[in-house]
């Protein structure tokens, strides 16, 4: 796969890979919801259905060595970055073959060898942690590497997030703040929780380079984040990328969606980023229907195989000795 940020040139295989990743995330999330209803997922569950273009476009613009820090709704970013979905499924189902031996669960996926440093269940908490990685890059003078933190509308008003933006700007850290504006902080829209819901303006007082993009257009997201990354590694300083999208799935597994209408959900479901991108590929003659169907089938098979792998693994070892070994350093 290849992408030329200056010419916006995308290789043929990347066109198909972007579609594959979005469909894989979508089917993975839908299957998780089914497994939760079957009693196979313990704890809570936060899905990113409707945000596939944002998470895939963002992560596709990064290199394997780049660090990412995600949220309680972080499955999409992890898969987009390349996390093995077999290990992810096992982790979420509480199996010992998972990314964190089955004891981290849905909100704590990690795979450091590909830059997935960790997800975080505390709103906004991944943002200040990402600054530590950015400071490491700067102090060790590691070339061509950035730290990227993802957060949402609700976290945008957290004090720790604003403090992190200020520190990043003051120290010119190589970090990209990616705000996935999915229009709800649990059930509250930005206009009810922010004096000014234009989050792009948040960049100004902290010296961040602002970028704004339609988060449901995977190619525009790819280009925008790639430009932001180029700006950072060329010494420009930290960036804020605001991606406008819509969370079709509820906030969590217990969300009754009482704060929005069925018509609103249907409106956005009918305009989902996967169908939108598929139509673009067809209209531009980049892929035909048979090729798109094959990509869809491959993504669905990957999710099926992930579930088979997960249920074949033993339950997580929750003995005191094992837990202490994982918590305390030698």
Protein backbone atom coordinates (compact mmCIF):
# COMPACT_ATOMS: atom_id res chain seq x y z
CA UNK A 1 0.00 0.00 0.00
CA UNK A 2 1.15 3.54 -0.63
CA UNK A 3 -0.08 7.09 -0.37
CA UNK A 4 1.56 10.31 -1.60
CA UNK A 5 0.41 13.09 0.71
CA UNK A 6 1.58 15.84 -1.63
CA UNK A 7 -0.08 14.48 -4.76
CA UNK A 8 -2.95 12.74 -2.98
CA UNK A 9 -2.07 9.63 -4.97
CA UNK A 10 -3.48 6.39 -3.60
CA UNK A 11 -2.35 2.99 -4.79
CA UNK A 12 -4.95 0.53 -6.06
CA UNK A 13 -4.43 -1.86 -3.17
CA UNK A 14 -4.92 0.92 -0.61
CA UNK A 15 -8.33 1.75 -2.09
CA UNK A 16 -9.41 -1.83 -1.39
CA UNK A 17 -7.67 -1.98 1.98
CA UNK A 18 -9.53 1.07 3.26
CA UNK A 19 -12.84 -0.57 2.36
CA UNK A 20 -11.74 -3.86 3.93
CA UNK A 21 -10.77 -2.20 7.22
CA UNK A 22 -14.03 -0.25 7.47
CA UNK A 23 -16.18 -3.32 6.82
CA UNK A 24 -14.10 -5.43 9.21
CA UNK A 25 -14.59 -2.87 11.98
CA UNK A 26 -18.31 -2.64 11.29
CA UNK A 27 -18.85 -6.40 11.30
CA UNK A 28 -16.59 -6.82 14.34
CA UNK A 29 -18.68 -4.30 16.30
CA UNK A 30 -21.98 -5.81 15.20
CA UNK A 31 -20.80 -9.28 16.19
CA UNK A 32 -19.66 -8.02 19.57
CA UNK A 33 -23.12 -6.65 20.26
CA UNK A 34 -24.60 -10.05 19.45
CA UNK A 35 -22.08 -11.80 21.70
CA UNK A 36 -22.84 -9.36 24.49
CA UNK A 37 -26.53 -10.15 24.23
CA UNK A 38 -25.58 -13.83 24.41
CA UNK A 39 -23.82 -13.18 27.74
CA UNK A 40 -20.32 -13.78 26.37
CA UNK A 41 -18.97 -10.25 26.93
CA UNK A 42 -18.48 -9.16 30.53
CA UNK A 43 -18.64 -5.55 31.68
CA UNK A 44 -19.75 -2.77 29.39
CA UNK A 45 -19.31 -2.28 25.65
CA UNK A 46 -18.88 0.88 23.54
CA UNK A 47 -19.20 0.55 19.78
CA UNK A 48 -18.14 2.88 16.96
CA UNK A 49 -20.70 2.00 14.28
CA UNK A 50 -20.97 5.01 11.98
CA UNK A 51 -17.45 6.24 12.70
CA UNK A 52 -15.62 3.76 10.45
CA UNK A 53 -14.29 6.38 8.03
CA UNK A 54 -12.86 8.51 10.82
CA UNK A 55 -10.95 5.73 12.52
CA UNK A 56 -9.74 4.03 9.33
CA UNK A 57 -8.76 7.23 7.53
CA UNK A 58 -6.89 8.48 10.59
CA UNK A 59 -4.92 5.31 11.27
CA UNK A 60 -4.19 4.64 7.59
CA UNK A 61 -2.32 7.96 7.50
CA UNK A 62 0.08 6.75 10.19
CA UNK A 63 3.13 4.53 10.17
CA UNK A 64 3.44 1.33 12.18
CA UNK A 65 5.97 3.00 14.49
CA UNK A 66 3.63 5.89 15.36
CA UNK A 67 2.00 5.65 18.78
CA UNK A 68 -1.77 5.79 19.21
CA UNK A 69 -3.78 6.25 22.40
CA UNK A 70 -7.49 5.50 22.17
CA UNK A 71 -10.65 5.70 24.23
CA UNK A 72 -13.35 3.49 25.73
CA UNK A 73 -14.69 3.44 22.14
CA UNK A 74 -11.36 2.39 20.69
CA UNK A 75 -11.93 -0.87 18.82
CA UNK A 76 -11.94 0.88 15.44
CA UNK A 77 -8.66 2.72 15.95
CA UNK A 78 -6.96 -0.46 17.16
CA UNK A 79 -8.16 -2.49 14.17
CA UNK A 80 -7.32 0.34 11.79
CA UNK A 81 -3.77 0.46 13.17
CA UNK A 82 -3.40 -3.26 12.55
CA UNK A 83 -4.23 -4.98 15.83
CA UNK A 84 -4.88 -8.70 15.35
CA UNK A 85 -8.66 -9.09 15.65
CA UNK A 86 -8.24 -12.68 16.82
CA UNK A 87 -6.42 -11.37 19.87
CA UNK A 88 -8.88 -8.49 20.24
CA UNK A 89 -11.90 -10.77 20.19
CA UNK A 90 -10.25 -13.08 22.71
CA UNK A 91 -9.49 -10.13 24.97
CA UNK A 92 -13.04 -8.80 24.87
CA UNK A 93 -14.43 -12.26 25.60
CA UNK A 94 -12.11 -12.56 28.62
CA UNK A 95 -9.88 -15.29 27.21
CA UNK A 96 -6.22 -15.86 28.06
CA UNK A 97 -5.22 -15.61 24.39
CA UNK A 98 -6.23 -11.95 24.28
CA UNK A 99 -4.06 -8.90 23.83
CA UNK A 100 -3.96 -8.44 27.62
CA UNK A 101 -4.45 -12.08 28.60
CA UNK A 102 -8.18 -11.50 28.88
CA UNK A 103 -8.11 -9.32 31.98
CA UNK A 104 -8.20 -5.89 30.30
CA UNK A 105 -11.41 -6.30 28.32
CA UNK A 106 -13.02 -4.05 25.76
CA UNK A 107 -11.61 -0.74 27.01
CA UNK A 108 -7.97 -1.77 27.45
CA UNK A 109 -6.71 -3.14 24.13
CA UNK A 110 -2.95 -2.88 23.61
CA UNK A 111 -0.43 -4.11 21.05
CA UNK A 112 2.73 -2.04 21.59
CA UNK A 113 4.73 -3.65 18.79
CA UNK A 114 2.50 -1.90 16.23
CA UNK A 115 2.17 1.33 18.19
CA UNK A 116 -1.14 0.59 19.95
CA UNK A 117 0.05 1.74 23.36
CA UNK A 118 -3.35 1.48 24.93
CA UNK A 119 -7.02 2.26 25.19
CA UNK A 120 -8.45 3.95 28.27
CA UNK A 121 -11.80 3.75 30.00
CA UNK A 122 -11.47 7.14 31.69
CA UNK A 123 -12.83 9.98 29.55
CA UNK A 124 -9.96 12.08 28.20
CA UNK A 125 -7.28 10.14 30.10
CA UNK A 126 -5.47 8.94 26.99
CA UNK A 127 -4.65 12.52 26.03
CA UNK A 128 -2.16 13.44 28.78
CA UNK A 129 -0.63 9.96 28.55
CA UNK A 130 0.05 10.51 24.86
CA UNK A 131 2.18 13.52 25.76
CA UNK A 132 4.59 11.23 27.55
CA UNK A 133 5.18 9.33 24.34
CA UNK A 134 5.51 12.60 22.43
CA UNK A 135 8.08 13.85 24.95
CA UNK A 136 10.03 10.60 24.53
CA UNK A 137 10.10 11.13 20.77
CA UNK A 138 11.37 14.67 21.24
CA UNK A 139 14.00 13.96 23.93
CA UNK A 140 15.37 10.90 22.14
CA UNK A 141 15.17 12.72 18.80
CA UNK A 142 13.40 9.79 17.17
CA UNK A 143 12.88 10.69 13.50
CA UNK A 144 9.65 10.31 11.53
CA UNK A 145 7.44 9.38 14.46
CA UNK A 146 4.41 11.00 16.08
CA UNK A 147 2.13 10.37 19.04
CA UNK A 148 -1.61 10.44 18.28
CA UNK A 149 -4.41 10.66 20.82
CA UNK A 150 -8.09 10.13 20.04
CA UNK A 151 -10.92 11.63 22.07
CA UNK A 152 -14.52 12.73 21.64
CA UNK A 153 -16.94 15.58 22.24
CA UNK A 154 -17.26 14.95 25.97
CA UNK A 155 -13.54 14.69 26.58
CA UNK A 156 -12.99 17.96 24.73
CA UNK A 157 -14.20 19.80 27.83
CA UNK A 158 -12.09 17.85 30.30
CA UNK A 159 -9.52 19.96 32.13
CA UNK A 160 -6.78 17.38 31.55
CA UNK A 161 -7.34 17.61 27.79
CA UNK A 162 -7.07 21.40 27.74
CA UNK A 163 -4.00 21.27 29.99
CA UNK A 164 -2.44 18.73 27.63
CA UNK A 165 -3.05 20.97 24.63
CA UNK A 166 -1.41 23.85 26.46
CA UNK A 167 1.64 21.77 27.44
CA UNK A 168 1.98 20.31 23.94
CA UNK A 169 1.89 23.79 22.45
CA UNK A 170 4.33 25.22 24.98
CA UNK A 171 6.84 22.42 24.45
CA UNK A 172 6.10 21.92 20.72
CA UNK A 173 5.59 18.21 21.20
CA UNK A 174 5.16 15.90 18.18
CA UNK A 175 1.55 15.00 18.94
CA UNK A 176 -1.68 15.01 16.93
CA UNK A 177 -4.91 15.53 18.86
CA UNK A 178 -7.72 13.80 16.94
CA UNK A 179 -11.18 14.87 18.07
CA UNK A 180 -13.79 12.50 16.66
CA UNK A 181 -16.87 14.70 16.96
CA UNK A 182 -19.63 12.11 16.85
CA UNK A 183 -22.20 14.67 18.06
CA UNK A 184 -22.82 13.22 21.52
CA UNK A 185 -21.10 13.16 24.90
CA UNK A 186 -23.05 10.10 26.05
CA UNK A 187 -26.42 11.77 25.25
CA UNK A 188 -25.50 15.47 25.29
CA UNK A 189 -24.84 17.34 22.01
CA UNK A 190 -21.92 19.83 22.01
CA UNK A 191 -24.18 22.89 21.76
CA UNK A 192 -25.64 22.06 25.19
CA UNK A 193 -22.30 21.51 26.92
CA UNK A 194 -19.93 24.00 25.27
CA UNK A 195 -20.08 27.80 25.25
CA UNK A 196 -18.78 27.57 21.69
CA UNK A 197 -19.26 24.14 20.05
CA UNK A 198 -16.78 24.99 17.28
CA UNK A 199 -13.97 22.77 18.55
CA UNK A 200 -11.59 23.86 15.81
CA UNK A 201 -11.16 27.12 17.72
CA UNK A 202 -9.66 25.16 20.62
CA UNK A 203 -6.41 25.04 18.69
CA UNK A 204 -5.86 28.79 18.70
CA UNK A 205 -5.00 29.64 22.33
CA UNK A 206 -2.60 26.70 22.60
CA UNK A 207 -0.64 27.24 19.41
CA UNK A 208 -1.89 24.09 17.71
CA UNK A 209 -2.22 23.82 13.94
CA UNK A 210 -5.96 23.29 13.25
CA UNK A 211 -7.41 20.88 10.70
CA UNK A 212 -11.09 20.14 10.04
CA UNK A 213 -12.60 17.39 7.91
CA UNK A 214 -15.77 15.50 7.02
CA UNK A 215 -15.21 12.44 9.18
CA UNK A 216 -17.50 10.28 7.04
CA UNK A 217 -15.27 10.63 3.97
CA UNK A 218 -12.44 8.16 4.45
CA UNK A 219 -10.24 9.64 1.71
CA UNK A 220 -10.57 13.18 3.05
CA UNK A 221 -9.74 11.95 6.55
CA UNK A 222 -6.70 10.08 5.22
CA UNK A 223 -5.43 13.15 3.44
CA UNK A 224 -6.08 15.50 6.35
CA UNK A 225 -4.36 13.37 8.98
CA UNK A 226 -1.48 12.69 6.59
CA UNK A 227 -1.03 16.45 6.17
CA UNK A 228 -1.16 16.92 9.93
CA UNK A 229 1.45 14.21 10.40
CA UNK A 230 3.70 15.80 7.78
CA UNK A 231 3.38 19.15 9.55
CA UNK A 232 4.39 17.62 12.89
CA UNK A 233 7.39 15.60 11.71
CA UNK A 234 8.69 18.64 9.82
CA UNK A 235 8.94 20.49 13.12
CA UNK A 236 5.75 22.54 12.92
CA UNK A 237 4.56 21.51 16.36
CA UNK A 238 1.37 19.81 17.59
CA UNK A 239 -1.92 19.69 15.63
CA UNK A 240 -5.62 19.42 16.35
CA UNK A 241 -7.71 17.48 13.80
CA UNK A 242 -11.50 17.76 14.19
CA UNK A 243 -13.39 15.01 12.36
CA UNK A 244 -17.17 15.47 12.04
CA UNK A 245 -19.02 12.17 12.07
CA UNK A 246 -22.03 10.53 13.74
CA UNK A 247 -22.25 7.70 16.25
CA UNK A 248 -25.02 5.42 14.98
CA UNK A 249 -24.53 2.92 17.80
CA UNK A 250 -25.59 3.90 21.30
CA UNK A 251 -23.15 5.28 23.82
CA UNK A 252 -22.84 1.85 25.42
CA UNK A 253 -24.66 -1.47 25.49
CA UNK A 254 -27.26 -0.04 27.89
CA UNK A 255 -28.12 3.04 25.78
CA UNK A 256 -31.87 3.29 25.08
CA UNK A 257 -31.36 6.12 22.53
CA UNK A 258 -34.11 8.14 24.22
CA UNK A 259 -32.26 11.37 23.43
CA UNK A 260 -32.65 11.00 19.64
CA UNK A 261 -35.33 9.82 17.26
CA UNK A 262 -35.46 6.70 15.13
CA UNK A 263 -35.69 8.96 12.08
CA UNK A 264 -32.41 10.63 13.01
CA UNK A 265 -30.64 7.30 13.42
CA UNK A 266 -32.15 6.04 10.16
CA UNK A 267 -31.04 9.22 8.37
CA UNK A 268 -27.40 8.66 9.34
CA UNK A 269 -27.53 4.89 8.87
CA UNK A 270 -28.62 5.42 5.27
CA UNK A 271 -25.65 7.74 4.79
CA UNK A 272 -23.10 5.49 6.44
CA UNK A 273 -19.45 5.92 5.37
CA UNK A 274 -19.06 2.36 4.05
CA UNK A 275 -21.87 2.67 1.50
CA UNK A 276 -20.68 6.17 0.65
CA UNK A 277 -17.15 4.97 -0.07
CA UNK A 278 -18.38 1.91 -1.96
CA UNK A 279 -20.46 4.14 -4.21
CA UNK A 280 -17.42 6.33 -4.84
CA UNK A 281 -15.34 3.31 -5.83
CA UNK A 282 -18.05 2.16 -8.23
CA UNK A 283 -18.74 5.59 -9.71
CA UNK A 284 -15.04 6.24 -10.31
CA UNK A 285 -14.47 2.80 -11.83
CA UNK A 286 -11.85 1.97 -9.20
CA UNK A 287 -13.60 -1.27 -8.17
CA UNK A 288 -16.56 -3.17 -9.55
CA UNK A 289 -19.41 -4.75 -7.59
CA UNK A 290 -17.85 -8.22 -7.67
CA UNK A 291 -14.63 -6.86 -6.20
CA UNK A 292 -16.48 -4.97 -3.47
CA UNK A 293 -18.52 -8.08 -2.65
CA UNK A 294 -15.28 -10.08 -2.37
CA UNK A 295 -13.79 -7.52 0.03
CA UNK A 296 -16.97 -7.67 2.12
CA UNK A 297 -16.87 -11.46 2.24
CA UNK A 298 -13.21 -11.49 3.28
CA UNK A 299 -13.89 -9.03 6.09
CA UNK A 300 -16.83 -11.07 7.34
CA UNK A 301 -14.75 -14.27 7.22
CA UNK A 302 -12.01 -12.56 9.25
CA UNK A 303 -14.52 -11.71 11.97
CA UNK A 304 -15.89 -15.26 11.94
CA UNK A 305 -12.38 -16.65 12.33
CA UNK A 306 -11.70 -14.22 15.17
CA UNK A 307 -14.71 -15.51 17.07
CA UNK A 308 -13.67 -19.12 16.49
CA UNK A 309 -10.19 -18.35 17.77
CA UNK A 310 -11.49 -16.52 20.82
CA UNK A 311 -13.89 -19.22 22.00
CA UNK A 312 -11.15 -21.83 21.54
CA UNK A 313 -9.01 -20.09 24.13
CA UNK A 314 -9.21 -20.85 27.86
CA UNK A 315 -10.76 -18.38 30.26
CA UNK A 316 -8.45 -15.72 31.64
CA UNK A 317 -6.28 -16.78 34.56
CA UNK A 318 -7.66 -14.72 37.44
CA UNK A 319 -5.63 -16.33 40.21
CA UNK A 320 -3.98 -14.03 42.75
CA UNK A 321 -0.51 -15.09 41.66
CA UNK A 322 -1.16 -14.29 38.00
CA UNK A 323 -2.84 -10.96 38.72
CA UNK A 324 0.00 -9.84 40.98
CA UNK A 325 2.51 -10.84 38.33
CA UNK A 326 0.76 -8.63 35.78
CA UNK A 327 0.32 -5.66 38.13
CA UNK A 328 3.68 -5.48 39.84
CA UNK A 329 7.05 -5.19 38.12
CA UNK A 330 9.82 -7.63 38.99
